[in-house]
Each structure stands twice: as C-alpha cells, then as structure tokens.
C-alpha cells in the first residue's frame, strides 16, 4: 500500500480447485491445477484507504507473473509499483525471471490511454535477473526509495541443475539493486546456496543503505551445516559469518523485531 491507496494486482493466473484436490489425492504437484492465461492483461486496482472505495480509472498492464511486490509509493500524482516480475510462469519450473519496475517517473515505462479510457501500462525492466524475496530499509516502505536487496535468480548458471532449493546460484547469491542508476552489486561464493535476506539499519543511521544485510547460506558439500552471513548494506562486502552444525533449513521469509535492548532476527 501507499500513503493513500491499497494496491491490488490481479494477474492472469487461474486455479482449478477440482484439479488441485485431485492432484493432492493422487500425490501429484498442485501446480497442475494452475493455468497461466497469457493473452490476458494484469488488472491494477487502487482502493482509497480513507473511503474504502476503488478508484474508477481502469488500469491494466501487459501480463507478467509475480510473487512479491518490493514497494509502492506515490510521486508526482502517480503510484509507483516495484515488482519482482516473471515473463510467464515457466520460472516455477526453470527460474526464468526479470525484475520489473512499473510506472516510475523518468523511466522507460509507458502508459497508453485506450478509447474506453483504460490505461495500458508497459513496464520498465531494471535488471537482467530477479532478486527474489526482496527486502529494503523498512523506513522507506511506502516512500520513494533507492535500494532493494534480494536473492538472485540467474538462469545462466542454474538452468542445467536440478532445482533442489528455491533460491540459489553458485556464483552470485545476493544482490543490491540501485533503482535510480540501475547498478547492481552482487555477493557470492562457490559451493553455497543463498536463502532469504533481512535488512537491519545501523542505530542512528540516516542514509538509506547504512546498515547490514543478514542472510543464510546452505553448503552444497555438507548438508549438516548452515551459515549466517552478515554483509555491509552499502557495498555488499562481508562483515562476519557464523556456521552451525545443525541441519540446515531453507528459509522462505524473515523479519527483524527490535526492542529497547535487543534486535532479533525471526525466520520461517
């Protein structure tokens, strides 16, 4: 959501409940009950947070599949929506991915008004790869911001591998994306699988990237290890790491909870 609106993206992915139930009974993947309607457009709904009423202007965008919205904010009477977008749903099998930034002022994104008044949007691709399960400095949620961080999906280095974990790349694991300059800073290490990231600001920090990035690493050669990695959020250099002998878990989401005396990383 932004300061004034709830933002809802209705993507052309349908679910056949009967097929999903049948697949569950047959012990088959429920993805067989999903259908990607490539000829349909994404519908964007804006709901006024004060009145609860939807904005009458119809807005649509060329189709892309997404799981996570990075951030939304308002600028120059426009609503900017940053999305980790995929050209279609093939990434569910092969991690085909692009990072999409929709309708930002000064970008290559375009809006075309149709005869019926509907706006058709063409998104602007910021990076060559998606940086999934994105995180950012929480102080900039619903505001104009510059940096996002995520786990890299690079088909050039992963397409011939059996997908054992959802988030990995043997050469480049994590990335910092500058949404203004489009510069990307990556961090990686051979033999490691990257999982979810969490941003922790430095106490008293004023700069958006003055803090640390915390993530977990799984070892490809030792399934009994998991490593906690701490990176400098400004330049993505390593600050510290700790390795545990406990069985590793591939994390899907995390958050940072702060108090007067401590800051705790929670993960699922």
C-alpha atoms as a PDB file:
ATOM      1  CA  UNK A   1       0.000   0.000   0.000  1.00  0.00           C
ATOM      2  CA  UNK A   2       0.966   3.649  -0.405  1.00  0.00           C
ATOM      3  CA  UNK A   3       0.180   6.637   1.810  1.00  0.00           C
ATOM      4  CA  UNK A   4      -3.316   6.991   0.312  1.00  0.00           C
ATOM      5  CA  UNK A   5      -4.087   3.728  -1.517  1.00  0.00           C
ATOM      6  CA  UNK A   6      -4.264  -0.019  -1.187  1.00  0.00           C
ATOM      7  CA  UNK A   7      -2.678  -1.504  -4.328  1.00  0.00           C
ATOM      8  CA  UNK A   8      -4.037  -4.783  -5.736  1.00  0.00           C
ATOM      9  CA  UNK A   9      -2.597  -6.524  -8.788  1.00  0.00           C
ATOM     10  CA  UNK A  10      -4.900  -9.082 -10.405  1.00  0.00           C
ATOM     11  CA  UNK A  11      -2.658 -11.318 -12.502  1.00  0.00           C
ATOM     12  CA  UNK A  12      -3.949 -13.779 -15.139  1.00  0.00           C
ATOM     13  CA  UNK A  13      -3.275 -16.938 -13.149  1.00  0.00           C
ATOM     14  CA  UNK A  14      -6.275 -19.167 -12.526  1.00  0.00           C
ATOM     15  CA  UNK A  15      -6.609 -22.105 -10.156  1.00  0.00           C
ATOM     16  CA  UNK A  16      -8.813 -25.114 -10.859  1.00  0.00           C
ATOM     17  CA  UNK A  17      -9.873 -26.222  -7.388  1.00  0.00           C
ATOM     18  CA  UNK A  18     -11.075 -29.648  -8.585  1.00  0.00           C
ATOM     19  CA  UNK A  19      -7.753 -30.348 -10.290  1.00  0.00           C
ATOM     20  CA  UNK A  20      -5.795 -29.268  -7.234  1.00  0.00           C
ATOM     21  CA  UNK A  21      -7.873 -31.501  -4.959  1.00  0.00           C
ATOM     22  CA  UNK A  22      -7.468 -34.401  -7.388  1.00  0.00           C
ATOM     23  CA  UNK A  23      -3.716 -33.844  -7.604  1.00  0.00           C
ATOM     24  CA  UNK A  24      -3.487 -33.805  -3.813  1.00  0.00           C
ATOM     25  CA  UNK A  25      -5.335 -37.126  -3.570  1.00  0.00           C
ATOM     26  CA  UNK A  26      -3.087 -38.590  -6.290  1.00  0.00           C
ATOM     27  CA  UNK A  27       0.003 -37.228  -4.535  1.00  0.00           C
ATOM     28  CA  UNK A  28       0.830 -35.047  -7.533  1.00  0.00           C
ATOM     29  CA  UNK A  29       2.013 -31.414  -7.540  1.00  0.00           C
ATOM     30  CA  UNK A  30      -0.858 -28.933  -7.171  1.00  0.00           C
ATOM     31  CA  UNK A  31       0.760 -26.779  -9.853  1.00  0.00           C
ATOM     32  CA  UNK A  32      -1.073 -28.976 -12.324  1.00  0.00           C
ATOM     33  CA  UNK A  33      -4.247 -27.185 -11.302  1.00  0.00           C
ATOM     34  CA  UNK A  34      -2.884 -23.762 -12.270  1.00  0.00           C
ATOM     35  CA  UNK A  35      -3.348 -22.155 -15.661  1.00  0.00           C
ATOM     36  CA  UNK A  36      -1.486 -19.118 -16.992  1.00  0.00           C
ATOM     37  CA  UNK A  37      -3.707 -17.048 -19.312  1.00  0.00           C
ATOM     38  CA  UNK A  38      -1.014 -15.376 -21.422  1.00  0.00           C
ATOM     39  CA  UNK A  39      -3.466 -13.433 -23.579  1.00  0.00           C
ATOM     40  CA  UNK A  40      -4.964 -11.624 -20.595  1.00  0.00           C
ATOM     41  CA  UNK A  41      -3.704  -8.378 -19.053  1.00  0.00           C
ATOM     42  CA  UNK A  42      -2.968  -7.610 -15.427  1.00  0.00           C
ATOM     43  CA  UNK A  43      -5.654  -5.506 -13.762  1.00  0.00           C
ATOM     44  CA  UNK A  44      -4.420  -2.915 -11.268  1.00  0.00           C
ATOM     45  CA  UNK A  45      -6.870  -1.845  -8.572  1.00  0.00           C
ATOM     46  CA  UNK A  46      -6.356   1.207  -6.360  1.00  0.00           C
ATOM     47  CA  UNK A  47      -8.538   1.496  -3.266  1.00  0.00           C
ATOM     48  CA  UNK A  48      -8.680   4.722  -1.285  1.00  0.00           C
ATOM     49  CA  UNK A  49      -7.534   3.956   2.266  1.00  0.00           C
ATOM     50  CA  UNK A  50      -9.786   6.625   3.768  1.00  0.00           C
ATOM     51  CA  UNK A  51     -13.046   5.896   1.947  1.00  0.00           C
ATOM     52  CA  UNK A  52     -12.574   2.233   1.091  1.00  0.00           C
ATOM     53  CA  UNK A  53     -13.749   2.953  -2.461  1.00  0.00           C
ATOM     54  CA  UNK A  54     -11.926   1.820  -5.580  1.00  0.00           C
ATOM     55  CA  UNK A  55     -10.563   4.460  -7.959  1.00  0.00           C
ATOM     56  CA  UNK A  56     -12.780   4.489 -11.064  1.00  0.00           C
ATOM     57  CA  UNK A  57      -9.896   4.820 -13.543  1.00  0.00           C
ATOM     58  CA  UNK A  58      -9.292   1.439 -15.179  1.00  0.00           C
ATOM     59  CA  UNK A  59      -5.595   0.498 -15.329  1.00  0.00           C
ATOM     60  CA  UNK A  60      -4.123  -2.583 -16.975  1.00  0.00           C
ATOM     61  CA  UNK A  61      -0.616  -3.817 -17.714  1.00  0.00           C
ATOM     62  CA  UNK A  62       0.944  -6.362 -20.034  1.00  0.00           C
ATOM     63  CA  UNK A  63       0.969  -9.780 -18.430  1.00  0.00           C
ATOM     64  CA  UNK A  64       3.705 -10.930 -16.066  1.00  0.00           C
ATOM     65  CA  UNK A  65       3.697 -13.364 -13.172  1.00  0.00           C
ATOM     66  CA  UNK A  66       4.817 -12.264  -9.722  1.00  0.00           C
ATOM     67  CA  UNK A  67       5.010 -13.473  -6.150  1.00  0.00           C
ATOM     68  CA  UNK A  68       6.339 -10.405  -4.343  1.00  0.00           C
ATOM     69  CA  UNK A  69       5.831  -6.659  -4.514  1.00  0.00           C
ATOM     70  CA  UNK A  70       9.014  -4.871  -3.429  1.00  0.00           C
ATOM     71  CA  UNK A  71       7.491  -1.488  -2.541  1.00  0.00           C
ATOM     72  CA  UNK A  72       4.799   1.029  -3.531  1.00  0.00           C
ATOM     73  CA  UNK A  73       4.770   4.795  -3.139  1.00  0.00           C
ATOM     74  CA  UNK A  74       3.329   7.986  -4.630  1.00  0.00           C
ATOM     75  CA  UNK A  75       5.282  10.508  -6.689  1.00  0.00           C
ATOM     76  CA  UNK A  76       4.133  13.409  -8.902  1.00  0.00           C
ATOM     77  CA  UNK A  77       0.470  12.263  -8.778  1.00  0.00           C
ATOM     78  CA  UNK A  78       1.482   8.752  -9.871  1.00  0.00           C
ATOM     79  CA  UNK A  79       1.533   5.469  -7.988  1.00  0.00           C
ATOM     80  CA  UNK A  80       4.833   3.620  -8.441  1.00  0.00           C
ATOM     81  CA  UNK A  81       4.765  -0.156  -8.039  1.00  0.00           C
ATOM     82  CA  UNK A  82       8.032  -2.111  -7.878  1.00  0.00           C
ATOM     83  CA  UNK A  83       7.552  -5.794  -8.606  1.00  0.00           C
ATOM     84  CA  UNK A  84       9.728  -8.871  -8.998  1.00  0.00           C
ATOM     85  CA  UNK A  85       8.108  -9.979 -12.246  1.00  0.00           C
ATOM     86  CA  UNK A  86       8.457 -13.008 -14.497  1.00  0.00           C
ATOM     87  CA  UNK A  87       7.587 -13.120 -18.211  1.00  0.00           C
ATOM     88  CA  UNK A  88       5.322 -16.102 -17.534  1.00  0.00           C
ATOM     89  CA  UNK A  89       5.025 -18.996 -15.092  1.00  0.00           C
ATOM     90  CA  UNK A  90       7.854 -21.052 -16.603  1.00  0.00           C
ATOM     91  CA  UNK A  91      10.078 -19.833 -13.784  1.00  0.00           C
ATOM     92  CA  UNK A  92       8.146 -22.157 -11.470  1.00  0.00           C
ATOM     93  CA  UNK A  93       9.998 -24.911 -13.286  1.00  0.00           C
ATOM     94  CA  UNK A  94      13.110 -23.159 -14.580  1.00  0.00           C
ATOM     95  CA  UNK A  95      13.577 -19.835 -12.760  1.00  0.00           C
ATOM     96  CA  UNK A  96      13.161 -17.662 -15.870  1.00  0.00           C
ATOM     97  CA  UNK A  97      12.968 -14.144 -14.437  1.00  0.00           C
ATOM     98  CA  UNK A  98      13.076 -10.382 -14.922  1.00  0.00           C
ATOM     99  CA  UNK A  99      12.801  -7.521 -12.466  1.00  0.00           C
ATOM    100  CA  UNK A 100      10.024  -5.122 -13.339  1.00  0.00           C
ATOM    101  CA  UNK A 101       9.566  -1.572 -12.132  1.00  0.00           C
ATOM    102  CA  UNK A 102       6.189  -0.217 -13.192  1.00  0.00           C
ATOM    103  CA  UNK A 103       5.238   3.369 -13.999  1.00  0.00           C
ATOM    104  CA  UNK A 104       8.129   5.275 -12.411  1.00  0.00           C
ATOM    105  CA  UNK A 105       8.660   8.897 -13.365  1.00  0.00           C
ATOM    106  CA  UNK A 106      11.706   9.394 -15.591  1.00  0.00           C
ATOM    107  CA  UNK A 107      11.900   5.721 -16.569  1.00  0.00           C
ATOM    108  CA  UNK A 108      11.131   3.878 -19.793  1.00  0.00           C
ATOM    109  CA  UNK A 109       7.738   2.794 -18.502  1.00  0.00           C
ATOM    110  CA  UNK A 110       4.837   3.987 -20.647  1.00  0.00           C
ATOM    111  CA  UNK A 111       1.084   4.407 -20.287  1.00  0.00           C
ATOM    112  CA  UNK A 112      -1.276   4.298 -23.279  1.00  0.00           C
ATOM    113  CA  UNK A 113      -4.854   5.506 -22.905  1.00  0.00           C
ATOM    114  CA  UNK A 114      -7.372   3.396 -24.828  1.00  0.00           C
ATOM    115  CA  UNK A 115     -10.580   4.630 -26.450  1.00  0.00           C
ATOM    116  CA  UNK A 116     -12.599   3.381 -23.479  1.00  0.00           C
ATOM    117  CA  UNK A 117     -10.378   5.349 -21.068  1.00  0.00           C
ATOM    118  CA  UNK A 118      -8.441   2.330 -19.796  1.00  0.00           C
ATOM    119  CA  UNK A 119      -4.726   2.860 -19.234  1.00  0.00           C
ATOM    120  CA  UNK A 120      -2.470   0.104 -20.613  1.00  0.00           C
ATOM    121  CA  UNK A 121       0.945   0.121 -18.967  1.00  0.00           C
ATOM    122  CA  UNK A 122       4.274  -1.064 -20.364  1.00  0.00           C
ATOM    123  CA  UNK A 123       6.735  -1.791 -17.542  1.00  0.00           C
ATOM    124  CA  UNK A 124      10.404  -0.834 -17.390  1.00  0.00           C
ATOM    125  CA  UNK A 125      12.859  -3.692 -16.737  1.00  0.00           C
ATOM    126  CA  UNK A 126      15.528  -2.587 -14.273  1.00  0.00           C
ATOM    127  CA  UNK A 127      17.748  -5.673 -14.065  1.00  0.00           C
ATOM    128  CA  UNK A 128      18.512  -8.750 -16.161  1.00  0.00           C
ATOM    129  CA  UNK A 129      17.623 -11.092 -13.305  1.00  0.00           C
ATOM    130  CA  UNK A 130      15.120 -11.043 -10.498  1.00  0.00           C
ATOM    131  CA  UNK A 131      16.294 -10.521  -6.940  1.00  0.00           C
ATOM    132  CA  UNK A 132      13.591 -12.524  -5.228  1.00  0.00           C
ATOM    133  CA  UNK A 133      12.026 -12.327  -1.780  1.00  0.00           C
ATOM    134  CA  UNK A 134      13.092  -8.672  -1.800  1.00  0.00           C
ATOM    135  CA  UNK A 135      13.881  -6.619   1.264  1.00  0.00           C
ATOM    136  CA  UNK A 136      14.718  -2.970   1.884  1.00  0.00           C
ATOM    137  CA  UNK A 137      15.217  -0.471   4.660  1.00  0.00           C
ATOM    138  CA  UNK A 138      11.803  -0.575   6.337  1.00  0.00           C
ATOM    139  CA  UNK A 139      11.978   3.170   6.988  1.00  0.00           C
ATOM    140  CA  UNK A 140      11.372   3.618   3.252  1.00  0.00           C
ATOM    141  CA  UNK A 141       8.287   1.429   2.927  1.00  0.00           C
ATOM    142  CA  UNK A 142       5.528   3.324   1.070  1.00  0.00           C
ATOM    143  CA  UNK A 143       8.071   6.078   0.282  1.00  0.00           C
ATOM    144  CA  UNK A 144      10.363   6.875  -2.624  1.00  0.00           C
ATOM    145  CA  UNK A 145      13.479   4.772  -2.104  1.00  0.00           C
ATOM    146  CA  UNK A 146      16.663   3.850  -3.934  1.00  0.00           C
ATOM    147  CA  UNK A 147      17.849   0.396  -2.902  1.00  0.00           C
ATOM    148  CA  UNK A 148      16.408  -3.102  -2.740  1.00  0.00           C
ATOM    149  CA  UNK A 149      18.123  -6.369  -1.846  1.00  0.00           C
ATOM    150  CA  UNK A 150      17.310  -9.946  -2.770  1.00  0.00           C
ATOM    151  CA  UNK A 151      18.383 -13.452  -3.698  1.00  0.00           C
ATOM    152  CA  UNK A 152      19.495 -13.699  -7.310  1.00  0.00           C
ATOM    153  CA  UNK A 153      17.869 -15.984  -9.862  1.00  0.00           C
ATOM    154  CA  UNK A 154      20.430 -16.384 -12.674  1.00  0.00           C
ATOM    155  CA  UNK A 155      19.383 -18.846 -15.374  1.00  0.00           C
ATOM    156  CA  UNK A 156      22.844 -18.818 -16.997  1.00  0.00           C
ATOM    157  CA  UNK A 157      24.276 -20.627 -14.002  1.00  0.00           C
ATOM    158  CA  UNK A 158      21.308 -22.652 -12.769  1.00  0.00           C
ATOM    159  CA  UNK A 159      19.345 -23.889 -15.773  1.00  0.00           C
ATOM    160  CA  UNK A 160      21.252 -27.193 -16.056  1.00  0.00           C
ATOM    161  CA  UNK A 161      20.966 -28.016 -12.378  1.00  0.00           C
ATOM    162  CA  UNK A 162      18.288 -29.986 -10.602  1.00  0.00           C
ATOM    163  CA  UNK A 163      16.343 -27.455  -8.553  1.00  0.00           C
ATOM    164  CA  UNK A 164      16.711 -28.677  -5.006  1.00  0.00           C
ATOM    165  CA  UNK A 165      16.138 -25.395  -3.264  1.00  0.00           C
ATOM    166  CA  UNK A 166      14.058 -22.452  -4.353  1.00  0.00           C
ATOM    167  CA  UNK A 167      16.724 -19.743  -4.118  1.00  0.00           C
ATOM    168  CA  UNK A 168      20.260 -20.385  -5.295  1.00  0.00           C
ATOM    169  CA  UNK A 169      23.100 -19.554  -7.620  1.00  0.00           C
ATOM    170  CA  UNK A 170      26.587 -20.980  -7.162  1.00  0.00           C
ATOM    171  CA  UNK A 171      28.401 -17.849  -8.336  1.00  0.00           C
ATOM    172  CA  UNK A 172      26.253 -14.917  -7.278  1.00  0.00           C
ATOM    173  CA  UNK A 173      23.903 -15.362  -4.363  1.00  0.00           C
ATOM    174  CA  UNK A 174      22.712 -11.965  -3.187  1.00  0.00           C
ATOM    175  CA  UNK A 175      22.360  -8.586  -4.850  1.00  0.00           C
ATOM    176  CA  UNK A 176      21.797  -4.913  -4.114  1.00  0.00           C
ATOM    177  CA  UNK A 177      19.857  -3.044  -6.819  1.00  0.00           C
ATOM    178  CA  UNK A 178      20.145   0.719  -7.255  1.00  0.00           C
ATOM    179  CA  UNK A 179      16.783   1.626  -8.756  1.00  0.00           C
ATOM    180  CA  UNK A 180      17.992   5.033  -9.937  1.00  0.00           C
ATOM    181  CA  UNK A 181      21.302   4.180 -11.624  1.00  0.00           C
ATOM    182  CA  UNK A 182      20.355   0.521 -12.326  1.00  0.00           C
ATOM    183  CA  UNK A 183      23.690  -0.524 -10.893  1.00  0.00           C
ATOM    184  CA  UNK A 184      23.783  -3.945  -9.241  1.00  0.00           C
ATOM    185  CA  UNK A 185      26.248  -5.082  -6.590  1.00  0.00           C
ATOM    186  CA  UNK A 186      26.386  -8.857  -6.160  1.00  0.00           C
ATOM    187  CA  UNK A 187      27.904 -11.054  -3.486  1.00  0.00           C
ATOM    188  CA  UNK A 188      28.503 -14.761  -3.884  1.00  0.00           C
ATOM    189  CA  UNK A 189      30.634 -17.743  -3.007  1.00  0.00           C
ATOM    190  CA  UNK A 190      31.121 -21.055  -4.792  1.00  0.00           C
ATOM    191  CA  UNK A 191      29.544 -24.071  -3.181  1.00  0.00           C
ATOM    192  CA  UNK A 192      26.893 -22.093  -1.334  1.00  0.00           C
ATOM    193  CA  UNK A 193      23.131 -21.763  -1.737  1.00  0.00           C
ATOM    194  CA  UNK A 194      21.609 -18.433  -0.725  1.00  0.00           C
ATOM    195  CA  UNK A 195      18.300 -18.073   1.103  1.00  0.00           C
ATOM    196  CA  UNK A 196      16.207 -15.171   2.390  1.00  0.00           C
ATOM    197  CA  UNK A 197      17.741 -11.798   3.377  1.00  0.00           C
ATOM    198  CA  UNK A 198      16.873  -9.303   6.103  1.00  0.00           C
ATOM    199  CA  UNK A 199      17.911  -5.640   6.345  1.00  0.00           C
ATOM    200  CA  UNK A 200      18.993  -4.239   9.714  1.00  0.00           C
ATOM    201  CA  UNK A 201      19.707  -0.478   9.869  1.00  0.00           C
ATOM    202  CA  UNK A 202      22.577   0.824  11.961  1.00  0.00           C
ATOM    203  CA  UNK A 203      21.260   2.545  15.128  1.00  0.00           C
ATOM    204  CA  UNK A 204      21.094   6.266  14.436  1.00  0.00           C
ATOM    205  CA  UNK A 205      21.635   5.832  10.690  1.00  0.00           C
ATOM    206  CA  UNK A 206      20.270   8.434   8.278  1.00  0.00           C
ATOM    207  CA  UNK A 207      21.489   7.046   4.922  1.00  0.00           C
ATOM    208  CA  UNK A 208      19.159   4.523   3.296  1.00  0.00           C
ATOM    209  CA  UNK A 209      21.874   1.858   2.953  1.00  0.00           C
ATOM    210  CA  UNK A 210      23.666   2.490   6.273  1.00  0.00           C
ATOM    211  CA  UNK A 211      23.135  -0.905   7.830  1.00  0.00           C
ATOM    212  CA  UNK A 212      23.689  -4.605   7.382  1.00  0.00           C
ATOM    213  CA  UNK A 213      22.199  -7.418   5.325  1.00  0.00           C
ATOM    214  CA  UNK A 214      21.780 -10.742   7.105  1.00  0.00           C
ATOM    215  CA  UNK A 215      21.179 -13.987   5.220  1.00  0.00           C
ATOM    216  CA  UNK A 216      21.643 -17.727   5.481  1.00  0.00           C
ATOM    217  CA  UNK A 217      23.789 -19.997   3.336  1.00  0.00           C
ATOM    218  CA  UNK A 218      23.441 -23.723   2.741  1.00  0.00           C
ATOM    219  CA  UNK A 219      26.567 -25.751   1.923  1.00  0.00           C
ATOM    220  CA  UNK A 220      26.400 -27.842  -1.252  1.00  0.00           C
ATOM    221  CA  UNK A 221      29.070 -30.241   0.027  1.00  0.00           C
ATOM    222  CA  UNK A 222      27.819 -30.629   3.591  1.00  0.00           C
ATOM    223  CA  UNK A 223      24.113 -30.884   4.339  1.00  0.00           C
ATOM    224  CA  UNK A 224      24.739 -30.680   8.102  1.00  0.00           C
ATOM    225  CA  UNK A 225      25.911 -27.055   8.004  1.00  0.00           C
ATOM    226  CA  UNK A 226      24.147 -23.726   7.781  1.00  0.00           C
ATOM    227  CA  UNK A 227      25.945 -20.368   7.775  1.00  0.00           C
ATOM    228  CA  UNK A 228      24.651 -16.979   8.889  1.00  0.00           C
ATOM    229  CA  UNK A 229      26.267 -14.250   6.768  1.00  0.00           C
ATOM    230  CA  UNK A 230      26.429 -10.517   7.560  1.00  0.00           C
ATOM    231  CA  UNK A 231      27.066  -8.076   4.687  1.00  0.00           C
ATOM    232  CA  UNK A 232      27.626  -4.345   4.556  1.00  0.00           C
ATOM    233  CA  UNK A 233      24.442  -2.948   3.012  1.00  0.00           C
ATOM    234  CA  UNK A 234      26.361  -0.117   1.329  1.00  0.00           C
ATOM    235  CA  UNK A 235      28.911  -2.106  -0.691  1.00  0.00           C
ATOM    236  CA  UNK A 236      27.839  -5.749  -0.159  1.00  0.00           C
ATOM    237  CA  UNK A 237      31.178  -6.748   1.384  1.00  0.00           C
ATOM    238  CA  UNK A 238      31.285  -9.437   4.048  1.00  0.00           C
ATOM    239  CA  UNK A 239      31.432  -8.271   7.661  1.00  0.00           C
ATOM    240  CA  UNK A 240      31.031 -11.532   9.559  1.00  0.00           C
ATOM    241  CA  UNK A 241      29.765 -15.104   9.402  1.00  0.00           C
ATOM    242  CA  UNK A 242      28.943 -17.932  11.757  1.00  0.00           C
ATOM    243  CA  UNK A 243      28.482 -21.591  10.853  1.00  0.00           C
ATOM    244  CA  UNK A 244      26.290 -24.002  12.785  1.00  0.00           C
ATOM    245  CA  UNK A 245      26.491 -27.820  12.682  1.00  0.00           C
ATOM    246  CA  UNK A 246      22.740 -28.124  12.959  1.00  0.00           C
ATOM    247  CA  UNK A 247      20.741 -29.476   9.984  1.00  0.00           C
ATOM    248  CA  UNK A 248      20.132 -26.619   7.504  1.00  0.00           C
ATOM    249  CA  UNK A 249      16.764 -25.174   6.688  1.00  0.00           C
ATOM    250  CA  UNK A 250      15.972 -23.213   3.532  1.00  0.00           C
ATOM    251  CA  UNK A 251      14.224 -20.090   4.811  1.00  0.00           C
ATOM    252  CA  UNK A 252      11.295 -18.588   2.921  1.00  0.00           C
ATOM    253  CA  UNK A 253      10.665 -15.358   4.849  1.00  0.00           C
ATOM    254  CA  UNK A 254      12.252 -13.339   7.643  1.00  0.00           C
ATOM    255  CA  UNK A 255      11.748 -10.162   9.615  1.00  0.00           C
ATOM    256  CA  UNK A 256      13.630  -8.117  12.195  1.00  0.00           C
ATOM    257  CA  UNK A 257      11.992  -7.372  15.533  1.00  0.00           C
ATOM    258  CA  UNK A 258      13.544  -4.630  17.655  1.00  0.00           C
ATOM    259  CA  UNK A 259      13.182  -3.674  21.309  1.00  0.00           C
ATOM    260  CA  UNK A 260      14.882  -1.258  23.694  1.00  0.00           C
ATOM    261  CA  UNK A 261      17.623  -3.766  24.476  1.00  0.00           C
ATOM    262  CA  UNK A 262      17.899  -6.135  21.544  1.00  0.00           C
ATOM    263  CA  UNK A 263      17.194  -6.806  17.916  1.00  0.00           C
ATOM    264  CA  UNK A 264      16.117 -10.297  16.950  1.00  0.00           C
ATOM    265  CA  UNK A 265      16.036 -11.972  13.540  1.00  0.00           C
ATOM    266  CA  UNK A 266      12.983 -14.170  13.078  1.00  0.00           C
ATOM    267  CA  UNK A 267      12.681 -16.560  10.153  1.00  0.00           C
ATOM    268  CA  UNK A 268      10.318 -19.180   8.764  1.00  0.00           C
END
